Amino acid sequence: LDTEATVAGFSTFTDSELVDVGSRLTGIDLRTAERFDPLVGLSAF
């Protein structure tokens, strides 16, 4: 979204814009030293 990761930053976008970006949050590696990705990449949330 090219914005700050804050409430103020995300609040400037419409629901449609947030939904569109949400659907593009794929391929993020969520494995950490402590945990695997519990959703195995099926959802970013």
ModelCIF file with pLDDT and N, C-alpha, C, O atoms, coordinates in Angstrom:
data_MODEL
#
_entry.id   MODEL 
#
_entity.id                         1 
_entity.type                       polymer 
_entity.pdbx_number_of_molecules   1 
#
_entity_poly.entity_id                      1 
_entity_poly.type                           'polypeptide(L)' 
_entity_poly.nstd_linkage                   no 
_entity_poly.nstd_monomer                   no 
_entity_poly.pdbx_seq_one_letter_code       LDTEATVAGFSTFTDSELVDVGSRLTGIDLRTAERFDPLVGLSAF 
_entity_poly.pdbx_seq_one_letter_code_can   LDTEATVAGFSTFTDSELVDVGSRLTGIDLRTAERFDPLVGLSAF 
_entity_poly.pdbx_strand_id                 A 
#
loop_
_entity_poly_seq.entity_id 
_entity_poly_seq.num 
_entity_poly_seq.mon_id 
_entity_poly_seq.hetero 
1 1  LEU n 
1 2  ASP n 
1 3  THR n 
1 4  GLU n 
1 5  ALA n 
1 6  THR n 
1 7  VAL n 
1 8  ALA n 
1 9  GLY n 
1 10 PHE n 
1 11 SER n 
1 12 THR n 
1 13 PHE n 
1 14 THR n 
1 15 ASP n 
1 16 SER n 
1 17 GLU n 
1 18 LEU n 
1 19 VAL n 
1 20 ASP n 
1 21 VAL n 
1 22 GLY n 
1 23 SER n 
1 24 ARG n 
1 25 LEU n 
1 26 THR n 
1 27 GLY n 
1 28 ILE n 
1 29 ASP n 
1 30 LEU n 
1 31 ARG n 
1 32 THR n 
1 33 ALA n 
1 34 GLU n 
1 35 ARG n 
1 36 PHE n 
1 37 ASP n 
1 38 PRO n 
1 39 LEU n 
1 40 VAL n 
1 41 GLY n 
1 42 LEU n 
1 43 SER n 
1 44 ALA n 
1 45 PHE n 
#
_struct_asym.id          A 
_struct_asym.entity_id   1 
#
loop_
_ma_qa_metric.id 
_ma_qa_metric.mode 
_ma_qa_metric.name 
_ma_qa_metric.software_group_id 
_ma_qa_metric.type 
1 global pLDDT . pLDDT 
2 local  pLDDT . pLDDT 
#
_ma_qa_metric_global.metric_id      1 
_ma_qa_metric_global.metric_value   95.73 
_ma_qa_metric_global.model_id       1 
_ma_qa_metric_global.ordinal_id     1 
#
loop_
_ma_qa_metric_local.label_asym_id 
_ma_qa_metric_local.label_comp_id 
_ma_qa_metric_local.label_seq_id 
_ma_qa_metric_local.metric_id 
_ma_qa_metric_local.metric_value 
_ma_qa_metric_local.model_id 
_ma_qa_metric_local.ordinal_id 
A LEU 1  2 98.00 1 1  
A ASP 2  2 98.00 1 2  
A THR 3  2 98.00 1 3  
A GLU 4  2 97.00 1 4  
A ALA 5  2 97.00 1 5  
A THR 6  2 97.00 1 6  
A VAL 7  2 98.00 1 7  
A ALA 8  2 97.00 1 8  
A GLY 9  2 98.00 1 9  
A PHE 10 2 98.00 1 10 
A SER 11 2 98.00 1 11 
A THR 12 2 97.00 1 12 
A PHE 13 2 98.00 1 13 
A THR 14 2 97.00 1 14 
A ASP 15 2 97.00 1 15 
A SER 16 2 96.00 1 16 
A GLU 17 2 97.00 1 17 
A LEU 18 2 98.00 1 18 
A VAL 19 2 97.00 1 19 
A ASP 20 2 97.00 1 20 
A VAL 21 2 97.00 1 21 
A GLY 22 2 97.00 1 22 
A SER 23 2 94.00 1 23 
A ARG 24 2 96.00 1 24 
A LEU 25 2 96.00 1 25 
A THR 26 2 90.00 1 26 
A GLY 27 2 91.00 1 27 
A ILE 28 2 95.00 1 28 
A ASP 29 2 94.00 1 29 
A LEU 30 2 96.00 1 30 
A ARG 31 2 93.00 1 31 
A THR 32 2 93.00 1 32 
A ALA 33 2 89.00 1 33 
A GLU 34 2 86.00 1 34 
A ARG 35 2 92.00 1 35 
A PHE 36 2 95.00 1 36 
A ASP 37 2 96.00 1 37 
A PRO 38 2 96.00 1 38 
A LEU 39 2 97.00 1 39 
A VAL 40 2 96.00 1 40 
A GLY 41 2 95.00 1 41 
A LEU 42 2 95.00 1 42 
A SER 43 2 96.00 1 43 
A ALA 44 2 97.00 1 44 
A PHE 45 2 98.00 1 45 
#
loop_
_atom_site.group_PDB 
_atom_site.id 
_atom_site.type_symbol 
_atom_site.label_atom_id 
_atom_site.label_alt_id 
_atom_site.label_comp_id 
_atom_site.label_asym_id 
_atom_site.label_entity_id 
_atom_site.label_seq_id 
_atom_site.pdbx_PDB_ins_code 
_atom_site.Cartn_x 
_atom_site.Cartn_y 
_atom_site.Cartn_z 
_atom_site.occupancy 
_atom_site.B_iso_or_equiv 
_atom_site.pdbx_formal_charge 
_atom_site.auth_seq_id 
_atom_site.auth_comp_id 
_atom_site.auth_asym_id 
_atom_site.auth_atom_id 
_atom_site.pdbx_PDB_model_num 
ATOM 1   N N  . LEU A 1 1  ? 0.814   -1.216  0.000  1.00 98.00 ? 1  LEU A N  1 
ATOM 2   C CA . LEU A 1 1  ? 0.000   0.000   0.000  1.00 98.00 ? 1  LEU A CA 1 
ATOM 3   C C  . LEU A 1 1  ? 0.849   1.268   0.000  1.00 98.00 ? 1  LEU A C  1 
ATOM 4   O O  . LEU A 1 1  ? 0.327   2.372   -0.157 1.00 98.00 ? 1  LEU A O  1 
ATOM 5   N N  . ASP A 1 2  ? 2.170   1.102   0.178  1.00 98.00 ? 2  ASP A N  1 
ATOM 6   C CA . ASP A 1 2  ? 3.091   2.239   0.262  1.00 98.00 ? 2  ASP A CA 1 
ATOM 7   C C  . ASP A 1 2  ? 2.636   3.208   1.355  1.00 98.00 ? 2  ASP A C  1 
ATOM 8   O O  . ASP A 1 2  ? 2.454   4.403   1.119  1.00 98.00 ? 2  ASP A O  1 
ATOM 9   N N  . THR A 1 3  ? 2.461   2.658   2.553  1.00 98.00 ? 3  THR A N  1 
ATOM 10  C CA . THR A 1 3  ? 2.001   3.467   3.678  1.00 98.00 ? 3  THR A CA 1 
ATOM 11  C C  . THR A 1 3  ? 2.718   3.025   4.944  1.00 98.00 ? 3  THR A C  1 
ATOM 12  O O  . THR A 1 3  ? 3.418   2.012   4.954  1.00 98.00 ? 3  THR A O  1 
ATOM 13  N N  . GLU A 1 4  ? 2.539   3.786   5.999  1.00 97.00 ? 4  GLU A N  1 
ATOM 14  C CA . GLU A 1 4  ? 3.078   3.408   7.302  1.00 97.00 ? 4  GLU A CA 1 
ATOM 15  C C  . GLU A 1 4  ? 2.215   2.306   7.905  1.00 97.00 ? 4  GLU A C  1 
ATOM 16  O O  . GLU A 1 4  ? 1.000   2.276   7.714  1.00 97.00 ? 4  GLU A O  1 
ATOM 17  N N  . ALA A 1 5  ? 2.859   1.407   8.632  1.00 97.00 ? 5  ALA A N  1 
ATOM 18  C CA . ALA A 1 5  ? 2.135   0.302   9.266  1.00 97.00 ? 5  ALA A CA 1 
ATOM 19  C C  . ALA A 1 5  ? 1.524   0.770   10.573 1.00 97.00 ? 5  ALA A C  1 
ATOM 20  O O  . ALA A 1 5  ? 1.900   0.319   11.654 1.00 97.00 ? 5  ALA A O  1 
ATOM 21  N N  . THR A 1 6  ? 0.567   1.691   10.449 1.00 97.00 ? 6  THR A N  1 
ATOM 22  C CA . THR A 1 6  ? -0.115  2.268   11.603 1.00 97.00 ? 6  THR A CA 1 
ATOM 23  C C  . THR A 1 6  ? -1.604  2.325   11.310 1.00 97.00 ? 6  THR A C  1 
ATOM 24  O O  . THR A 1 6  ? -2.036  2.156   10.170 1.00 97.00 ? 6  THR A O  1 
ATOM 25  N N  . VAL A 1 7  ? -2.378  2.567   12.354 1.00 98.00 ? 7  VAL A N  1 
ATOM 26  C CA . VAL A 1 7  ? -3.821  2.743   12.158 1.00 98.00 ? 7  VAL A CA 1 
ATOM 27  C C  . VAL A 1 7  ? -4.081  3.907   11.217 1.00 98.00 ? 7  VAL A C  1 
ATOM 28  O O  . VAL A 1 7  ? -4.915  3.808   10.317 1.00 98.00 ? 7  VAL A O  1 
ATOM 29  N N  . ALA A 1 8  ? -3.372  5.003   11.421 1.00 97.00 ? 8  ALA A N  1 
ATOM 30  C CA . ALA A 1 8  ? -3.566  6.171   10.551 1.00 97.00 ? 8  ALA A CA 1 
ATOM 31  C C  . ALA A 1 8  ? -3.228  5.832   9.109  1.00 97.00 ? 8  ALA A C  1 
ATOM 32  O O  . ALA A 1 8  ? -3.934  6.243   8.188  1.00 97.00 ? 8  ALA A O  1 
ATOM 33  N N  . GLY A 1 9  ? -2.153  5.085   8.912  1.00 98.00 ? 9  GLY A N  1 
ATOM 34  C CA . GLY A 1 9  ? -1.765  4.734   7.550  1.00 98.00 ? 9  GLY A CA 1 
ATOM 35  C C  . GLY A 1 9  ? -2.786  3.859   6.864  1.00 98.00 ? 9  GLY A C  1 
ATOM 36  O O  . GLY A 1 9  ? -3.198  4.163   5.744  1.00 98.00 ? 9  GLY A O  1 
ATOM 37  N N  . PHE A 1 10 ? -3.210  2.776   7.501  1.00 98.00 ? 10 PHE A N  1 
ATOM 38  C CA . PHE A 1 10 ? -4.155  1.854   6.867  1.00 98.00 ? 10 PHE A CA 1 
ATOM 39  C C  . PHE A 1 10 ? -5.553  2.468   6.744  1.00 98.00 ? 10 PHE A C  1 
ATOM 40  O O  . PHE A 1 10 ? -6.311  2.108   5.844  1.00 98.00 ? 10 PHE A O  1 
ATOM 41  N N  . SER A 1 11 ? -5.897  3.401   7.655  1.00 98.00 ? 11 SER A N  1 
ATOM 42  C CA . SER A 1 11 ? -7.249  3.959   7.647  1.00 98.00 ? 11 SER A CA 1 
ATOM 43  C C  . SER A 1 11 ? -7.524  4.854   6.455  1.00 98.00 ? 11 SER A C  1 
ATOM 44  O O  . SER A 1 11 ? -8.683  5.147   6.161  1.00 98.00 ? 11 SER A O  1 
ATOM 45  N N  . THR A 1 12 ? -6.480  5.298   5.759  1.00 97.00 ? 12 THR A N  1 
ATOM 46  C CA . THR A 1 12 ? -6.698  6.170   4.607  1.00 97.00 ? 12 THR A CA 1 
ATOM 47  C C  . THR A 1 12 ? -7.212  5.403   3.388  1.00 97.00 ? 12 THR A C  1 
ATOM 48  O O  . THR A 1 12 ? -7.617  6.017   2.401  1.00 97.00 ? 12 THR A O  1 
ATOM 49  N N  . PHE A 1 13 ? -7.200  4.087   3.443  1.00 98.00 ? 13 PHE A N  1 
ATOM 50  C CA . PHE A 1 13 ? -7.593  3.282   2.287  1.00 98.00 ? 13 PHE A CA 1 
ATOM 51  C C  . PHE A 1 13 ? -9.018  2.777   2.432  1.00 98.00 ? 13 PHE A C  1 
ATOM 52  O O  . PHE A 1 13 ? -9.507  2.545   3.538  1.00 98.00 ? 13 PHE A O  1 
ATOM 53  N N  . THR A 1 14 ? -9.666  2.615   1.298  1.00 97.00 ? 14 THR A N  1 
ATOM 54  C CA . THR A 1 14 ? -11.044 2.136   1.288  1.00 97.00 ? 14 THR A CA 1 
ATOM 55  C C  . THR A 1 14 ? -11.086 0.632   1.583  1.00 97.00 ? 14 THR A C  1 
ATOM 56  O O  . THR A 1 14 ? -10.071 -0.062  1.527  1.00 97.00 ? 14 THR A O  1 
ATOM 57  N N  . ASP A 1 15 ? -12.267 0.165   1.890  1.00 97.00 ? 15 ASP A N  1 
ATOM 58  C CA . ASP A 1 15 ? -12.438 -1.278  2.085  1.00 97.00 ? 15 ASP A CA 1 
ATOM 59  C C  . ASP A 1 15 ? -11.987 -2.039  0.847  1.00 97.00 ? 15 ASP A C  1 
ATOM 60  O O  . ASP A 1 15 ? -11.317 -3.065  0.959  1.00 97.00 ? 15 ASP A O  1 
ATOM 61  N N  . SER A 1 16 ? -12.346 -1.546  -0.329 1.00 96.00 ? 16 SER A N  1 
ATOM 62  C CA . SER A 1 16 ? -11.981 -2.235  -1.574 1.00 96.00 ? 16 SER A CA 1 
ATOM 63  C C  . SER A 1 16 ? -10.478 -2.321  -1.737 1.00 96.00 ? 16 SER A C  1 
ATOM 64  O O  . SER A 1 16 ? -9.954  -3.358  -2.144 1.00 96.00 ? 16 SER A O  1 
ATOM 65  N N  . GLU A 1 17 ? -9.787  -1.249  -1.426 1.00 97.00 ? 17 GLU A N  1 
ATOM 66  C CA . GLU A 1 17 ? -8.332  -1.244  -1.562 1.00 97.00 ? 17 GLU A CA 1 
ATOM 67  C C  . GLU A 1 17 ? -7.692  -2.214  -0.559 1.00 97.00 ? 17 GLU A C  1 
ATOM 68  O O  . GLU A 1 17 ? -6.730  -2.906  -0.892 1.00 97.00 ? 17 GLU A O  1 
ATOM 69  N N  . LEU A 1 18 ? -8.218  -2.263  0.645  1.00 98.00 ? 18 LEU A N  1 
ATOM 70  C CA . LEU A 1 18 ? -7.672  -3.176  1.645  1.00 98.00 ? 18 LEU A CA 1 
ATOM 71  C C  . LEU A 1 18 ? -7.949  -4.628  1.280  1.00 98.00 ? 18 LEU A C  1 
ATOM 72  O O  . LEU A 1 18 ? -7.103  -5.496  1.496  1.00 98.00 ? 18 LEU A O  1 
ATOM 73  N N  . VAL A 1 19 ? -9.120  -4.893  0.733  1.00 97.00 ? 19 VAL A N  1 
ATOM 74  C CA . VAL A 1 19 ? -9.441  -6.249  0.288  1.00 97.00 ? 19 VAL A CA 1 
ATOM 75  C C  . VAL A 1 19 ? -8.516  -6.668  -0.851 1.00 97.00 ? 19 VAL A C  1 
ATOM 76  O O  . VAL A 1 19 ? -8.028  -7.798  -0.880 1.00 97.00 ? 19 VAL A O  1 
ATOM 77  N N  . ASP A 1 20 ? -8.280  -5.758  -1.781 1.00 97.00 ? 20 ASP A N  1 
ATOM 78  C CA . ASP A 1 20 ? -7.412  -6.072  -2.913 1.00 97.00 ? 20 ASP A CA 1 
ATOM 79  C C  . ASP A 1 20 ? -6.003  -6.420  -2.443 1.00 97.00 ? 20 ASP A C  1 
ATOM 80  O O  . ASP A 1 20 ? -5.420  -7.402  -2.903 1.00 97.00 ? 20 ASP A O  1 
ATOM 81  N N  . VAL A 1 21 ? -5.459  -5.631  -1.542 1.00 97.00 ? 21 VAL A N  1 
ATOM 82  C CA . VAL A 1 21 ? -4.117  -5.908  -1.048 1.00 97.00 ? 21 VAL A CA 1 
ATOM 83  C C  . VAL A 1 21 ? -4.112  -7.191  -0.220 1.00 97.00 ? 21 VAL A C  1 
ATOM 84  O O  . VAL A 1 21 ? -3.160  -7.969  -0.283 1.00 97.00 ? 21 VAL A O  1 
ATOM 85  N N  . GLY A 1 22 ? -5.165  -7.412  0.550  1.00 97.00 ? 22 GLY A N  1 
ATOM 86  C CA . GLY A 1 22 ? -5.234  -8.637  1.334  1.00 97.00 ? 22 GLY A CA 1 
ATOM 87  C C  . GLY A 1 22 ? -5.141  -9.881  0.481  1.00 97.00 ? 22 GLY A C  1 
ATOM 88  O O  . GLY A 1 22 ? -4.540  -10.878 0.883  1.00 97.00 ? 22 GLY A O  1 
ATOM 89  N N  . SER A 1 23 ? -5.741  -9.822  -0.707 1.00 94.00 ? 23 SER A N  1 
ATOM 90  C CA . SER A 1 23 ? -5.705  -10.978 -1.602 1.00 94.00 ? 23 SER A CA 1 
ATOM 91  C C  . SER A 1 23 ? -4.339  -11.160 -2.255 1.00 94.00 ? 23 SER A C  1 
ATOM 92  O O  . SER A 1 23 ? -4.076  -12.200 -2.859 1.00 94.00 ? 23 SER A O  1 
ATOM 93  N N  . ARG A 1 24 ? -3.464  -10.154 -2.141 1.00 96.00 ? 24 ARG A N  1 
ATOM 94  C CA . ARG A 1 24 ? -2.123  -10.229 -2.725 1.00 96.00 ? 24 ARG A CA 1 
ATOM 95  C C  . ARG A 1 24 ? -1.061  -10.610 -1.700 1.00 96.00 ? 24 ARG A C  1 
ATOM 96  O O  . ARG A 1 24 ? 0.127   -10.652 -2.021 1.00 96.00 ? 24 ARG A O  1 
ATOM 97  N N  . LEU A 1 25 ? -1.480  -10.886 -0.481 1.00 96.00 ? 25 LEU A N  1 
ATOM 98  C CA . LEU A 1 25 ? -0.532  -11.261 0.564  1.00 96.00 ? 25 LEU A CA 1 
ATOM 99  C C  . LEU A 1 25 ? -0.269  -12.757 0.514  1.00 96.00 ? 25 LEU A C  1 
ATOM 100 O O  . LEU A 1 25 ? -0.620  -13.502 1.428  1.00 96.00 ? 25 LEU A O  1 
ATOM 101 N N  . THR A 1 26 ? 0.349   -13.170 -0.561 1.00 90.00 ? 26 THR A N  1 
ATOM 102 C CA . THR A 1 26 ? 0.668   -14.583 -0.743 1.00 90.00 ? 26 THR A CA 1 
ATOM 103 C C  . THR A 1 26 ? 2.181   -14.761 -0.795 1.00 90.00 ? 26 THR A C  1 
ATOM 104 O O  . THR A 1 26 ? 2.924   -13.826 -1.095 1.00 90.00 ? 26 THR A O  1 
ATOM 105 N N  . GLY A 1 27 ? 2.609   -15.954 -0.504 1.00 91.00 ? 27 GLY A N  1 
ATOM 106 C CA . GLY A 1 27 ? 4.026   -16.271 -0.617 1.00 91.00 ? 27 GLY A CA 1 
ATOM 107 C C  . GLY A 1 27 ? 4.907   -15.737 0.490  1.00 91.00 ? 27 GLY A C  1 
ATOM 108 O O  . GLY A 1 27 ? 6.132   -15.757 0.364  1.00 91.00 ? 27 GLY A O  1 
ATOM 109 N N  . ILE A 1 28 ? 4.301   -15.248 1.600  1.00 95.00 ? 28 ILE A N  1 
ATOM 110 C CA . ILE A 1 28 ? 5.108   -14.751 2.720  1.00 95.00 ? 28 ILE A CA 1 
ATOM 111 C C  . ILE A 1 28 ? 5.617   -15.941 3.529  1.00 95.00 ? 28 ILE A C  1 
ATOM 112 O O  . ILE A 1 28 ? 4.835   -16.802 3.932  1.00 95.00 ? 28 ILE A O  1 
ATOM 113 N N  . ASP A 1 29 ? 6.906   -15.988 3.762  1.00 94.00 ? 29 ASP A N  1 
ATOM 114 C CA . ASP A 1 29 ? 7.480   -17.068 4.558  1.00 94.00 ? 29 ASP A CA 1 
ATOM 115 C C  . ASP A 1 29 ? 7.235   -16.756 6.032  1.00 94.00 ? 29 ASP A C  1 
ATOM 116 O O  . ASP A 1 29 ? 7.822   -15.823 6.581  1.00 94.00 ? 29 ASP A O  1 
ATOM 117 N N  . LEU A 1 30 ? 6.369   -17.538 6.667  1.00 96.00 ? 30 LEU A N  1 
ATOM 118 C CA . LEU A 1 30 ? 6.016   -17.295 8.063  1.00 96.00 ? 30 LEU A CA 1 
ATOM 119 C C  . LEU A 1 30 ? 6.714   -18.244 9.030  1.00 96.00 ? 30 LEU A C  1 
ATOM 120 O O  . LEU A 1 30 ? 6.411   -18.256 10.223 1.00 96.00 ? 30 LEU A O  1 
ATOM 121 N N  . ARG A 1 31 ? 7.639   -19.031 8.517  1.00 93.00 ? 31 ARG A N  1 
ATOM 122 C CA . ARG A 1 31 ? 8.385   -19.903 9.417  1.00 93.00 ? 31 ARG A CA 1 
ATOM 123 C C  . ARG A 1 31 ? 9.373   -19.078 10.232 1.00 93.00 ? 31 ARG A C  1 
ATOM 124 O O  . ARG A 1 31 ? 10.073  -18.220 9.694  1.00 93.00 ? 31 ARG A O  1 
ATOM 125 N N  . THR A 1 32 ? 9.422   -19.345 11.538 1.00 93.00 ? 32 THR A N  1 
ATOM 126 C CA . THR A 1 32 ? 10.350  -18.663 12.439 1.00 93.00 ? 32 THR A CA 1 
ATOM 127 C C  . THR A 1 32 ? 11.168  -19.710 13.179 1.00 93.00 ? 32 THR A C  1 
ATOM 128 O O  . THR A 1 32 ? 10.989  -20.913 12.991 1.00 93.00 ? 32 THR A O  1 
ATOM 129 N N  . ALA A 1 33 ? 12.069  -19.225 14.023 1.00 89.00 ? 33 ALA A N  1 
ATOM 130 C CA . ALA A 1 33 ? 12.876  -20.150 14.817 1.00 89.00 ? 33 ALA A CA 1 
ATOM 131 C C  . ALA A 1 33 ? 12.016  -20.954 15.778 1.00 89.00 ? 33 ALA A C  1 
ATOM 132 O O  . ALA A 1 33 ? 12.402  -22.045 16.199 1.00 89.00 ? 33 ALA A O  1 
ATOM 133 N N  . GLU A 1 34 ? 10.839  -20.412 16.130 1.00 86.00 ? 34 GLU A N  1 
ATOM 134 C CA . GLU A 1 34 ? 9.983   -21.061 17.124 1.00 86.00 ? 34 GLU A CA 1 
ATOM 135 C C  . GLU A 1 34 ? 8.799   -21.786 16.511 1.00 86.00 ? 34 GLU A C  1 
ATOM 136 O O  . GLU A 1 34 ? 8.305   -22.753 17.091 1.00 86.00 ? 34 GLU A O  1 
ATOM 137 N N  . ARG A 1 35 ? 8.328   -21.335 15.338 1.00 92.00 ? 35 ARG A N  1 
ATOM 138 C CA . ARG A 1 35 ? 7.081   -21.864 14.820 1.00 92.00 ? 35 ARG A CA 1 
ATOM 139 C C  . ARG A 1 35 ? 7.135   -22.085 13.310 1.00 92.00 ? 35 ARG A C  1 
ATOM 140 O O  . ARG A 1 35 ? 7.841   -21.386 12.582 1.00 92.00 ? 35 ARG A O  1 
ATOM 141 N N  . PHE A 1 36 ? 6.367   -23.080 12.863 1.00 95.00 ? 36 PHE A N  1 
ATOM 142 C CA . PHE A 1 36 ? 6.062   -23.225 11.455 1.00 95.00 ? 36 PHE A CA 1 
ATOM 143 C C  . PHE A 1 36 ? 4.817   -22.406 11.143 1.00 95.00 ? 36 PHE A C  1 
ATOM 144 O O  . PHE A 1 36 ? 4.149   -21.916 12.054 1.00 95.00 ? 36 PHE A O  1 
ATOM 145 N N  . ASP A 1 37 ? 4.503   -22.257 9.862  1.00 96.00 ? 37 ASP A N  1 
ATOM 146 C CA . ASP A 1 37 ? 3.275   -21.583 9.453  1.00 96.00 ? 37 ASP A CA 1 
ATOM 147 C C  . ASP A 1 37 ? 2.120   -22.546 9.698  1.00 96.00 ? 37 ASP A C  1 
ATOM 148 O O  . ASP A 1 37 ? 2.033   -23.561 9.007  1.00 96.00 ? 37 ASP A O  1 
ATOM 149 N N  . PRO A 1 38 ? 1.225   -22.271 10.656 1.00 96.00 ? 38 PRO A N  1 
ATOM 150 C CA . PRO A 1 38 ? 0.164   -23.224 10.970 1.00 96.00 ? 38 PRO A CA 1 
ATOM 151 C C  . PRO A 1 38 ? -0.857  -23.380 9.861  1.00 96.00 ? 38 PRO A C  1 
ATOM 152 O O  . PRO A 1 38 ? -1.591  -24.369 9.840  1.00 96.00 ? 38 PRO A O  1 
ATOM 153 N N  . LEU A 1 39 ? -0.926  -22.423 8.932  1.00 97.00 ? 39 LEU A N  1 
ATOM 154 C CA . LEU A 1 39 ? -1.876  -22.500 7.828  1.00 97.00 ? 39 LEU A CA 1 
ATOM 155 C C  . LEU A 1 39 ? -1.206  -22.917 6.527  1.00 97.00 ? 39 LEU A C  1 
ATOM 156 O O  . LEU A 1 39 ? -1.855  -22.935 5.481  1.00 97.00 ? 39 LEU A O  1 
ATOM 157 N N  . VAL A 1 40 ? 0.069   -23.250 6.572  1.00 96.00 ? 40 VAL A N  1 
ATOM 158 C CA . VAL A 1 40 ? 0.812   -23.809 5.431  1.00 96.00 ? 40 VAL A CA 1 
ATOM 159 C C  . VAL A 1 40 ? 0.620   -22.966 4.173  1.00 96.00 ? 40 VAL A C  1 
ATOM 160 O O  . VAL A 1 40 ? 0.504   -23.506 3.073  1.00 96.00 ? 40 VAL A O  1 
ATOM 161 N N  . GLY A 1 41 ? 0.587   -21.662 4.333  1.00 95.00 ? 41 GLY A N  1 
ATOM 162 C CA . GLY A 1 41 ? 0.494   -20.767 3.201  1.00 95.00 ? 41 GLY A CA 1 
ATOM 163 C C  . GLY A 1 41 ? -0.888  -20.581 2.620  1.00 95.00 ? 41 GLY A C  1 
ATOM 164 O O  . GLY A 1 41 ? -1.040  -19.860 1.634  1.00 95.00 ? 41 GLY A O  1 
ATOM 165 N N  . LEU A 1 42 ? -1.900  -21.202 3.192  1.00 95.00 ? 42 LEU A N  1 
ATOM 166 C CA . LEU A 1 42 ? -3.256  -21.076 2.642  1.00 95.00 ? 42 LEU A CA 1 
ATOM 167 C C  . LEU A 1 42 ? -3.887  -19.740 2.964  1.00 95.00 ? 42 LEU A C  1 
ATOM 168 O O  . LEU A 1 42 ? -4.808  -19.317 2.265  1.00 95.00 ? 42 LEU A O  1 
ATOM 169 N N  . SER A 1 43 ? -3.425  -19.062 3.997  1.00 96.00 ? 43 SER A N  1 
ATOM 170 C CA . SER A 1 43 ? -3.950  -17.751 4.354  1.00 96.00 ? 43 SER A CA 1 
ATOM 171 C C  . SER A 1 43 ? -2.854  -16.961 5.041  1.00 96.00 ? 43 SER A C  1 
ATOM 172 O O  . SER A 1 43 ? -2.013  -17.518 5.746  1.00 96.00 ? 43 SER A O  1 
ATOM 173 N N  . ALA A 1 44 ? -2.875  -15.645 4.823  1.00 97.00 ? 44 ALA A N  1 
ATOM 174 C CA . ALA A 1 44 ? -1.915  -14.769 5.499  1.00 97.00 ? 44 ALA A CA 1 
ATOM 175 C C  . ALA A 1 44 ? -2.467  -14.238 6.808  1.00 97.00 ? 44 ALA A C  1 
ATOM 176 O O  . ALA A 1 44 ? -1.852  -13.379 7.440  1.00 97.00 ? 44 ALA A O  1 
ATOM 177 N N  . PHE A 1 45 ? -3.626  -14.745 7.223  1.00 98.00 ? 45 PHE A N  1 
ATOM 178 C CA . PHE A 1 45 ? -4.265  -14.232 8.428  1.00 98.00 ? 45 PHE A CA 1 
ATOM 179 C C  . PHE A 1 45 ? -4.678  -15.375 9.340  1.00 98.00 ? 45 PHE A C  1 
ATOM 180 O O  . PHE A 1 45 ? -5.236  -15.139 10.412 1.00 98.00 ? 45 PHE A O  1 
#
